PDB file of N, CA and C in Angstrom:
ATOM      1  N   MET A   1     -21.040   6.216   0.772  1.00  0.00           N
ATOM      2  CA  MET A   1     -19.704   6.379   0.250  1.00  0.00           C
ATOM      3  C   MET A   1     -19.644   5.735  -1.139  1.00  0.00           C
ATOM      4  N   ASP A   2     -19.005   6.413  -2.049  1.00  0.00           N
ATOM      5  CA  ASP A   2     -18.864   5.947  -3.418  1.00  0.00           C
ATOM      6  C   ASP A   2     -17.908   4.759  -3.477  1.00  0.00           C
ATOM      7  N   LEU A   3     -18.049   3.921  -4.487  1.00  0.00           N
ATOM      8  CA  LEU A   3     -17.181   2.752  -4.615  1.00  0.00           C
ATOM      9  C   LEU A   3     -15.734   3.151  -4.866  1.00  0.00           C
ATOM     10  N   LEU A   4     -15.499   4.212  -5.617  1.00  0.00           N
ATOM     11  CA  LEU A   4     -14.122   4.671  -5.833  1.00  0.00           C
ATOM     12  C   LEU A   4     -13.515   5.198  -4.538  1.00  0.00           C
ATOM     13  N   ASP A   5     -14.327   5.794  -3.676  1.00  0.00           N
ATOM     14  CA  ASP A   5     -13.831   6.225  -2.370  1.00  0.00           C
ATOM     15  C   ASP A   5     -13.441   5.028  -1.505  1.00  0.00           C
ATOM     16  N   LYS A   6     -14.213   3.967  -1.587  1.00  0.00           N
ATOM     17  CA  LYS A   6     -13.871   2.753  -0.840  1.00  0.00           C
ATOM     18  C   LYS A   6     -12.543   2.179  -1.309  1.00  0.00           C
ATOM     19  N   ILE A   7     -12.322   2.191  -2.611  1.00  0.00           N
ATOM     20  CA  ILE A   7     -11.047   1.709  -3.153  1.00  0.00           C
ATOM     21  C   ILE A   7      -9.908   2.609  -2.687  1.00  0.00           C
ATOM     22  N   TYR A   8     -10.127   3.904  -2.692  1.00  0.00           N
ATOM     23  CA  TYR A   8      -9.125   4.875  -2.255  1.00  0.00           C
ATOM     24  C   TYR A   8      -8.712   4.612  -0.803  1.00  0.00           C
ATOM     25  N   TYR A   9      -9.689   4.500   0.074  1.00  0.00           N
ATOM     26  CA  TYR A   9      -9.392   4.299   1.492  1.00  0.00           C
ATOM     27  C   TYR A   9      -8.852   2.897   1.775  1.00  0.00           C
ATOM     28  N   MET A  10      -9.266   1.910   1.004  1.00  0.00           N
ATOM     29  CA  MET A  10      -8.733   0.566   1.164  1.00  0.00           C
ATOM     30  C   MET A  10      -7.244   0.551   0.818  1.00  0.00           C
ATOM     31  N   ARG A  11      -6.862   1.246  -0.258  1.00  0.00           N
ATOM     32  CA  ARG A  11      -5.444   1.309  -0.621  1.00  0.00           C
ATOM     33  C   ARG A  11      -4.650   2.095   0.416  1.00  0.00           C
ATOM     34  N   ALA A  12      -5.221   3.148   0.952  1.00  0.00           N
ATOM     35  CA  ALA A  12      -4.532   3.907   1.991  1.00  0.00           C
ATOM     36  C   ALA A  12      -4.317   3.036   3.226  1.00  0.00           C
ATOM     37  N   PHE A  13      -5.326   2.274   3.617  1.00  0.00           N
ATOM     38  CA  PHE A  13      -5.212   1.388   4.768  1.00  0.00           C
ATOM     39  C   PHE A  13      -4.176   0.294   4.517  1.00  0.00           C
ATOM     40  N   LEU A  14      -4.149  -0.275   3.317  1.00  0.00           N
ATOM     41  CA  LEU A  14      -3.152  -1.299   3.012  1.00  0.00           C
ATOM     42  C   LEU A  14      -1.745  -0.706   2.971  1.00  0.00           C
ATOM     43  N   GLY A  15      -1.602   0.552   2.571  1.00  0.00           N
ATOM     44  CA  GLY A  15      -0.309   1.224   2.625  1.00  0.00           C
ATOM     45  C   GLY A  15       0.186   1.383   4.050  1.00  0.00           C
ATOM     46  N   VAL A  16      -0.728   1.713   4.962  1.00  0.00           N
ATOM     47  CA  VAL A  16      -0.373   1.831   6.381  1.00  0.00           C
ATOM     48  C   VAL A  16       0.043   0.461   6.931  1.00  0.00           C
ATOM     49  N   MET A  17      -0.742  -0.561   6.624  1.00  0.00           N
ATOM     50  CA  MET A  17      -0.417  -1.911   7.110  1.00  0.00           C
ATOM     51  C   MET A  17       0.933  -2.382   6.577  1.00  0.00           C
ATOM     52  N   CYS A  18       1.180  -2.176   5.298  1.00  0.00           N
ATOM     53  CA  CYS A  18       2.435  -2.601   4.697  1.00  0.00           C
ATOM     54  C   CYS A  18       3.610  -1.831   5.292  1.00  0.00           C
ATOM     55  N   GLY A  19       3.441  -0.543   5.529  1.00  0.00           N
ATOM     56  CA  GLY A  19       4.500   0.254   6.136  1.00  0.00           C
ATOM     57  C   GLY A  19       4.843  -0.204   7.537  1.00  0.00           C
ATOM     58  N   ILE A  20       3.841  -0.551   8.324  1.00  0.00           N
ATOM     59  CA  ILE A  20       4.095  -1.038   9.679  1.00  0.00           C
ATOM     60  C   ILE A  20       4.794  -2.392   9.643  1.00  0.00           C
ATOM     61  N   ILE A  21       4.340  -3.275   8.765  1.00  0.00           N
ATOM     62  CA  ILE A  21       4.972  -4.594   8.641  1.00  0.00           C
ATOM     63  C   ILE A  21       6.427  -4.445   8.203  1.00  0.00           C
ATOM     64  N   LEU A  22       6.682  -3.594   7.223  1.00  0.00           N
ATOM     65  CA  LEU A  22       8.058  -3.386   6.775  1.00  0.00           C
ATOM     66  C   LEU A  22       8.912  -2.725   7.844  1.00  0.00           C
ATOM     67  N   GLY A  23       8.340  -1.853   8.645  1.00  0.00           N
ATOM     68  CA  GLY A  23       9.088  -1.246   9.741  1.00  0.00           C
ATOM     69  C   GLY A  23       9.551  -2.275  10.754  1.00  0.00           C
ATOM     70  N   PHE A  24       8.743  -3.313  10.961  1.00  0.00           N
ATOM     71  CA  PHE A  24       9.147  -4.390  11.872  1.00  0.00           C
ATOM     72  C   PHE A  24      10.135  -5.351  11.211  1.00  0.00           C
ATOM     73  N   ILE A  25      10.000  -5.579   9.916  1.00  0.00           N
ATOM     74  CA  ILE A  25      10.880  -6.531   9.225  1.00  0.00           C
ATOM     75  C   ILE A  25      12.291  -5.983   9.081  1.00  0.00           C
ATOM     76  N   LEU A  26      12.412  -4.722   8.724  1.00  0.00           N
ATOM     77  CA  LEU A  26      13.727  -4.132   8.474  1.00  0.00           C
ATOM     78  C   LEU A  26      14.464  -3.911   9.783  1.00  0.00           C
ATOM     79  N   ASN A  27      15.763  -4.177   9.755  1.00  0.00           N
ATOM     80  CA  ASN A  27      16.592  -3.890  10.908  1.00  0.00           C
ATOM     81  C   ASN A  27      17.923  -3.317  10.435  1.00  0.00           C
ATOM     82  N   PRO A  28      18.672  -2.684  11.319  1.00  0.00           N
ATOM     83  CA  PRO A  28      19.908  -2.002  10.894  1.00  0.00           C
ATOM     84  C   PRO A  28      20.970  -2.921  10.303  1.00  0.00           C
ATOM     85  N   SER A  29      20.883  -4.208  10.523  1.00  0.00           N
ATOM     86  CA  SER A  29      21.938  -5.095  10.029  1.00  0.00           C
ATOM     87  C   SER A  29      21.755  -5.534   8.582  1.00  0.00           C
ATOM     88  N   ASN A  30      20.615  -5.273   7.963  1.00  0.00           N
ATOM     89  CA  ASN A  30      20.415  -5.730   6.583  1.00  0.00           C
ATOM     90  C   ASN A  30      20.095  -4.579   5.631  1.00  0.00           C
ATOM     91  N   TYR A  31      20.949  -3.564   5.618  1.00  0.00           N
ATOM     92  CA  TYR A  31      20.720  -2.418   4.738  1.00  0.00           C
ATOM     93  C   TYR A  31      20.768  -2.801   3.266  1.00  0.00           C
ATOM     94  N   SER A  32      21.610  -3.735   2.891  1.00  0.00           N
ATOM     95  CA  SER A  32      21.750  -4.079   1.474  1.00  0.00           C
ATOM     96  C   SER A  32      20.508  -4.776   0.926  1.00  0.00           C
ATOM     97  N   ALA A  33      19.783  -5.496   1.760  1.00  0.00           N
ATOM     98  CA  ALA A  33      18.607  -6.230   1.299  1.00  0.00           C
ATOM     99  C   ALA A  33      17.315  -5.457   1.528  1.00  0.00           C
ATOM    100  N   SER A  34      17.388  -4.265   2.083  1.00  0.00           N
ATOM    101  CA  SER A  34      16.160  -3.569   2.454  1.00  0.00           C
ATOM    102  C   SER A  34      15.367  -3.050   1.255  1.00  0.00           C
ATOM    103  N   VAL A  35      16.036  -2.542   0.240  1.00  0.00           N
ATOM    104  CA  VAL A  35      15.312  -1.995  -0.915  1.00  0.00           C
ATOM    105  C   VAL A  35      14.548  -3.083  -1.673  1.00  0.00           C
ATOM    106  N   PRO A  36      15.152  -4.239  -1.978  1.00  0.00           N
ATOM    107  CA  PRO A  36      14.351  -5.284  -2.641  1.00  0.00           C
ATOM    108  C   PRO A  36      13.198  -5.805  -1.782  1.00  0.00           C
ATOM    109  N   ILE A  37      13.381  -5.855  -0.476  1.00  0.00           N
ATOM    110  CA  ILE A  37      12.305  -6.299   0.413  1.00  0.00           C
ATOM    111  C   ILE A  37      11.157  -5.294   0.385  1.00  0.00           C
ATOM    112  N   ILE A  38      11.481  -4.015   0.438  1.00  0.00           N
ATOM    113  CA  ILE A  38      10.449  -2.978   0.406  1.00  0.00           C
ATOM    114  C   ILE A  38       9.673  -3.032  -0.904  1.00  0.00           C
ATOM    115  N   ILE A  39      10.387  -3.123  -2.015  1.00  0.00           N
ATOM    116  CA  ILE A  39       9.726  -3.140  -3.321  1.00  0.00           C
ATOM    117  C   ILE A  39       8.860  -4.388  -3.476  1.00  0.00           C
ATOM    118  N   ALA A  40       9.380  -5.545  -3.072  1.00  0.00           N
ATOM    119  CA  ALA A  40       8.630  -6.794  -3.233  1.00  0.00           C
ATOM    120  C   ALA A  40       7.365  -6.815  -2.378  1.00  0.00           C
ATOM    121  N   LEU A  41       7.472  -6.431  -1.116  1.00  0.00           N
ATOM    122  CA  LEU A  41       6.303  -6.460  -0.248  1.00  0.00           C
ATOM    123  C   LEU A  41       5.291  -5.379  -0.632  1.00  0.00           C
ATOM    124  N   ALA A  42       5.772  -4.200  -1.043  1.00  0.00           N
ATOM    125  CA  ALA A  42       4.856  -3.153  -1.488  1.00  0.00           C
ATOM    126  C   ALA A  42       4.124  -3.578  -2.754  1.00  0.00           C
ATOM    127  N   LEU A  43       4.820  -4.224  -3.661  1.00  0.00           N
ATOM    128  CA  LEU A  43       4.179  -4.719  -4.878  1.00  0.00           C
ATOM    129  C   LEU A  43       3.159  -5.802  -4.563  1.00  0.00           C
ATOM    130  N   PHE A  44       3.492  -6.666  -3.621  1.00  0.00           N
ATOM    131  CA  PHE A  44       2.565  -7.722  -3.195  1.00  0.00           C
ATOM    132  C   PHE A  44       1.286  -7.120  -2.613  1.00  0.00           C
ATOM    133  N   PHE A  45       1.428  -6.135  -1.743  1.00  0.00           N
ATOM    134  CA  PHE A  45       0.254  -5.488  -1.146  1.00  0.00           C
ATOM    135  C   PHE A  45      -0.543  -4.719  -2.200  1.00  0.00           C
ATOM    136  N   TYR A  46       0.149  -4.108  -3.167  1.00  0.00           N
ATOM    137  CA  TYR A  46      -0.580  -3.393  -4.211  1.00  0.00           C
ATOM    138  C   TYR A  46      -1.357  -4.360  -5.095  1.00  0.00           C
ATOM    139  N   ILE A  47      -0.787  -5.513  -5.384  1.00  0.00           N
ATOM    140  CA  ILE A  47      -1.506  -6.526  -6.176  1.00  0.00           C
ATOM    141  C   ILE A  47      -2.725  -7.020  -5.410  1.00  0.00           C
ATOM    142  N   ILE A  48      -2.579  -7.207  -4.110  1.00  0.00           N
ATOM    143  CA  ILE A  48      -3.740  -7.585  -3.288  1.00  0.00           C
ATOM    144  C   ILE A  48      -4.813  -6.502  -3.374  1.00  0.00           C
ATOM    145  N   SER A  49      -4.403  -5.240  -3.278  1.00  0.00           N
ATOM    146  CA  SER A  49      -5.386  -4.157  -3.355  1.00  0.00           C
ATOM    147  C   SER A  49      -6.019  -4.087  -4.733  1.00  0.00           C
ATOM    148  N   TYR A  50      -5.269  -4.415  -5.771  1.00  0.00           N
ATOM    149  CA  TYR A  50      -5.827  -4.391  -7.119  1.00  0.00           C
ATOM    150  C   TYR A  50      -6.876  -5.486  -7.299  1.00  0.00           C
ATOM    151  N   VAL A  51      -6.601  -6.668  -6.762  1.00  0.00           N
ATOM    152  CA  VAL A  51      -7.573  -7.767  -6.854  1.00  0.00           C
ATOM    153  C   VAL A  51      -8.854  -7.398  -6.098  1.00  0.00           C
ATOM    154  N   ILE A  52      -8.703  -6.835  -4.913  1.00  0.00           N
ATOM    155  CA  ILE A  52      -9.879  -6.419  -4.144  1.00  0.00           C
ATOM    156  C   ILE A  52     -10.631  -5.304  -4.878  1.00  0.00           C
ATOM    157  N   ALA A  53      -9.890  -4.370  -5.459  1.00  0.00           N
ATOM    158  CA  ALA A  53     -10.522  -3.265  -6.187  1.00  0.00           C
ATOM    159  C   ALA A  53     -11.266  -3.772  -7.423  1.00  0.00           C
ATOM    160  N   LYS A  54     -10.728  -4.773  -8.084  1.00  0.00           N
ATOM    161  CA  LYS A  54     -11.425  -5.349  -9.237  1.00  0.00           C
ATOM    162  C   LYS A  54     -12.756  -5.957  -8.820  1.00  0.00           C
ATOM    163  N   ARG A  55     -12.770  -6.611  -7.669  1.00  0.00           N
ATOM    164  CA  ARG A  55     -14.026  -7.202  -7.181  1.00  0.00           C
ATOM    165  C   ARG A  55     -15.012  -6.130  -6.756  1.00  0.00           C
ATOM    166  N   ILE A  56     -14.525  -5.071  -6.141  1.00  0.00           N
ATOM    167  CA  ILE A  56     -15.402  -3.962  -5.772  1.00  0.00           C
ATOM    168  C   ILE A  56     -15.899  -3.258  -7.026  1.00  0.00           C
ATOM    169  N   GLY A  57     -15.037  -3.129  -8.031  1.00  0.00           N
ATOM    170  CA  GLY A  57     -15.342  -2.371  -9.226  1.00  0.00           C
ATOM    171  C   GLY A  57     -16.244  -3.049 -10.225  1.00  0.00           C
ATOM    172  N   LEU A  58     -16.719  -4.241  -9.937  1.00  0.00           N
ATOM    173  CA  LEU A  58     -17.626  -4.902 -10.868  1.00  0.00           C
ATOM    174  C   LEU A  58     -18.936  -4.145 -11.026  1.00  0.00           C
ATOM    175  N   ARG A  59     -19.314  -3.390 -10.018  1.00  0.00           N
ATOM    176  CA  ARG A  59     -20.570  -2.636 -10.059  1.00  0.00           C
ATOM    177  C   ARG A  59     -20.396  -1.216 -10.583  1.00  0.00           C
ATOM    178  N   LEU A  60     -19.182  -0.850 -10.972  1.00  0.00           N
ATOM    179  CA  LEU A  60     -18.929   0.501 -11.478  1.00  0.00           C
ATOM    180  C   LEU A  60     -19.318   0.629 -12.943  1.00  0.00           C
ATOM    181  N   LYS A  61     -19.485   1.874 -13.362  1.00  0.00           N
ATOM    182  CA  LYS A  61     -19.730   2.148 -14.770  1.00  0.00           C
ATOM    183  C   LYS A  61     -18.453   1.886 -15.561  1.00  0.00           C
ATOM    184  N   THR A  62     -18.598   1.773 -16.849  1.00  0.00           N
ATOM    185  CA  THR A  62     -17.463   1.435 -17.705  1.00  0.00           C
ATOM    186  C   THR A  62     -16.365   2.503 -17.653  1.00  0.00           C
ATOM    187  N   GLU A  63     -16.747   3.773 -17.649  1.00  0.00           N
ATOM    188  CA  GLU A  63     -15.724   4.823 -17.635  1.00  0.00           C
ATOM    189  C   GLU A  63     -15.025   4.921 -16.279  1.00  0.00           C
ATOM    190  N   ASP A  64     -15.661   4.481 -15.205  1.00  0.00           N
ATOM    191  CA  ASP A  64     -15.027   4.499 -13.886  1.00  0.00           C
ATOM    192  C   ASP A  64     -14.133   3.288 -13.660  1.00  0.00           C
ATOM    193  N   ARG A  65     -14.302   2.236 -14.425  1.00  0.00           N
ATOM    194  CA  ARG A  65     -13.461   1.044 -14.263  1.00  0.00           C
ATOM    195  C   ARG A  65     -12.016   1.313 -14.650  1.00  0.00           C
ATOM    196  N   LYS A  66     -11.799   2.298 -15.504  1.00  0.00           N
ATOM    197  CA  LYS A  66     -10.433   2.645 -15.892  1.00  0.00           C
ATOM    198  C   LYS A  66      -9.658   3.249 -14.720  1.00  0.00           C
ATOM    199  N   LYS A  67     -10.356   3.812 -13.762  1.00  0.00           N
ATOM    200  CA  LYS A  67      -9.728   4.471 -12.619  1.00  0.00           C
ATOM    201  C   LYS A  67      -9.353   3.490 -11.514  1.00  0.00           C
ATOM    202  N   ILE A  68      -9.751   2.239 -11.628  1.00  0.00           N
ATOM    203  CA  ILE A  68      -9.522   1.274 -10.551  1.00  0.00           C
ATOM    204  C   ILE A  68      -8.035   1.096 -10.272  1.00  0.00           C
ATOM    205  N   SER A  69      -7.227   0.997 -11.312  1.00  0.00           N
ATOM    206  CA  SER A  69      -5.814   0.721 -11.089  1.00  0.00           C
ATOM    207  C   SER A  69      -5.046   1.923 -10.549  1.00  0.00           C
ATOM    208  N   THR A  70      -5.519   3.134 -10.816  1.00  0.00           N
ATOM    209  CA  THR A  70      -4.778   4.319 -10.387  1.00  0.00           C
ATOM    210  C   THR A  70      -5.377   5.036  -9.188  1.00  0.00           C
ATOM    211  N   ASN A  71      -6.588   4.720  -8.830  1.00  0.00           N
ATOM    212  CA  ASN A  71      -7.244   5.407  -7.717  1.00  0.00           C
ATOM    213  C   ASN A  71      -6.611   4.988  -6.399  1.00  0.00           C
ATOM    214  N   GLY A  72      -6.027   5.932  -5.689  1.00  0.00           N
ATOM    215  CA  GLY A  72      -5.441   5.659  -4.387  1.00  0.00           C
ATOM    216  C   GLY A  72      -3.993   5.230  -4.418  1.00  0.00           C
ATOM    217  N   VAL A  73      -3.308   5.410  -5.548  1.00  0.00           N
ATOM    218  CA  VAL A  73      -1.908   5.003  -5.641  1.00  0.00           C
ATOM    219  C   VAL A  73      -1.022   5.902  -4.780  1.00  0.00           C
ATOM    220  N   PHE A  74      -1.231   7.207  -4.859  1.00  0.00           N
ATOM    221  CA  PHE A  74      -0.375   8.131  -4.113  1.00  0.00           C
ATOM    222  C   PHE A  74      -0.538   7.999  -2.592  1.00  0.00           C
ATOM    223  N   PRO A  75      -1.749   7.869  -2.068  1.00  0.00           N
ATOM    224  CA  PRO A  75      -1.831   7.619  -0.622  1.00  0.00           C
ATOM    225  C   PRO A  75      -1.171   6.312  -0.229  1.00  0.00           C
ATOM    226  N   PHE A  76      -1.284   5.291  -1.073  1.00  0.00           N
ATOM    227  CA  PHE A  76      -0.636   4.011  -0.785  1.00  0.00           C
ATOM    228  C   PHE A  76       0.870   4.198  -0.656  1.00  0.00           C
ATOM    229  N   ILE A  77       1.475   4.863  -1.617  1.00  0.00           N
ATOM    230  CA  ILE A  77       2.933   5.034  -1.621  1.00  0.00           C
ATOM    231  C   ILE A  77       3.390   5.909  -0.457  1.00  0.00           C
ATOM    232  N   PHE A  78       2.740   7.045  -0.267  1.00  0.00           N
ATOM    233  CA  PHE A  78       3.208   7.971   0.759  1.00  0.00           C
ATOM    234  C   PHE A  78       2.930   7.473   2.177  1.00  0.00           C
ATOM    235  N   LEU A  79       1.805   6.824   2.392  1.00  0.00           N
ATOM    236  CA  LEU A  79       1.558   6.253   3.718  1.00  0.00           C
ATOM    237  C   LEU A  79       2.480   5.071   3.985  1.00  0.00           C
ATOM    238  N   LEU A  80       2.797   4.310   2.958  1.00  0.00           N
ATOM    239  CA  LEU A  80       3.760   3.222   3.102  1.00  0.00           C
ATOM    240  C   LEU A  80       5.106   3.764   3.562  1.00  0.00           C
ATOM    241  N   ILE A  81       5.605   4.762   2.868  1.00  0.00           N
ATOM    242  CA  ILE A  81       6.903   5.346   3.223  1.00  0.00           C
ATOM    243  C   ILE A  81       6.857   5.989   4.608  1.00  0.00           C
ATOM    244  N   MET A  82       5.789   6.725   4.897  1.00  0.00           N
ATOM    245  CA  MET A  82       5.699   7.401   6.187  1.00  0.00           C
ATOM    246  C   MET A  82       5.684   6.405   7.340  1.00  0.00           C
ATOM    247  N   PHE A  83       4.909   5.329   7.217  1.00  0.00           N
ATOM    248  CA  PHE A  83       4.827   4.376   8.311  1.00  0.00           C
ATOM    249  C   PHE A  83       6.050   3.474   8.404  1.00  0.00           C
ATOM    250  N   ILE A  84       6.770   3.259   7.311  1.00  0.00           N
ATOM    251  CA  ILE A  84       8.068   2.584   7.414  1.00  0.00           C
ATOM    252  C   ILE A  84       9.000   3.431   8.264  1.00  0.00           C
ATOM    253  N   ILE A  85       9.060   4.711   7.966  1.00  0.00           N
ATOM    254  CA  ILE A  85       9.970   5.614   8.696  1.00  0.00           C
ATOM    255  C   ILE A  85       9.579   5.719  10.161  1.00  0.00           C
ATOM    256  N   VAL A  86       8.284   5.896  10.436  1.00  0.00           N
ATOM    257  CA  VAL A  86       7.837   6.064  11.820  1.00  0.00           C
ATOM    258  C   VAL A  86       8.070   4.784  12.629  1.00  0.00           C
ATOM    259  N   THR A  87       7.713   3.642  12.058  1.00  0.00           N
ATOM    260  CA  THR A  87       7.896   2.378  12.784  1.00  0.00           C
ATOM    261  C   THR A  87       9.357   2.055  12.984  1.00  0.00           C
ATOM    262  N   TYR A  88      10.162   2.212  11.925  1.00  0.00           N
ATOM    263  CA  TYR A  88      11.583   1.922  12.023  1.00  0.00           C
ATOM    264  C   TYR A  88      12.265   2.840  13.028  1.00  0.00           C
ATOM    265  N   THR A  89      11.912   4.112  12.999  1.00  0.00           N
ATOM    266  CA  THR A  89      12.502   5.064  13.949  1.00  0.00           C
ATOM    267  C   THR A  89      12.069   4.757  15.373  1.00  0.00           C
ATOM    268  N   GLY A  90      10.829   4.393  15.556  1.00  0.00           N
ATOM    269  CA  GLY A  90      10.349   4.047  16.893  1.00  0.00           C
ATOM    270  C   GLY A  90      11.014   2.799  17.468  1.00  0.00           C
ATOM    271  N   LEU A  91      11.346   1.865  16.611  1.00  0.00           N
ATOM    272  CA  LEU A  91      11.962   0.623  17.080  1.00  0.00           C
ATOM    273  C   LEU A  91      13.474   0.711  17.243  1.00  0.00           C
ATOM    274  N   HIS A  92      14.147   1.453  16.355  1.00  0.00           N
ATOM    275  CA  HIS A  92      15.609   1.415  16.316  1.00  0.00           C
ATOM    276  C   HIS A  92      16.277   2.757  16.620  1.00  0.00           C
ATOM    277  N   ALA A  93      15.567   3.683  17.201  1.00  0.00           N
ATOM    278  CA  ALA A  93      16.168   4.983  17.499  1.00  0.00           C
ATOM    279  C   ALA A  93      17.011   4.922  18.747  1.00  0.00           C
TER     280      ALA A  93
END
């Protein structure tokens, strides 16, 4: 498996983990605070993934290092949103 593929799947996995954690944290009584909590925790998990990707990317070529910050962003965001919805619906439906 290529190093960029590892970064891609690592970000997807962290998006799933963050979505599940946020699904458990959010509850129907705190709608006003939910958006800042989602943004803050998602940003925290993305920064963690960026630090890990930087360490993985030390062995990459120079032109591939530019892709480290953007590789796997869309799976991270969409899996985060999907698992927030699935977990929240499963708990509070």
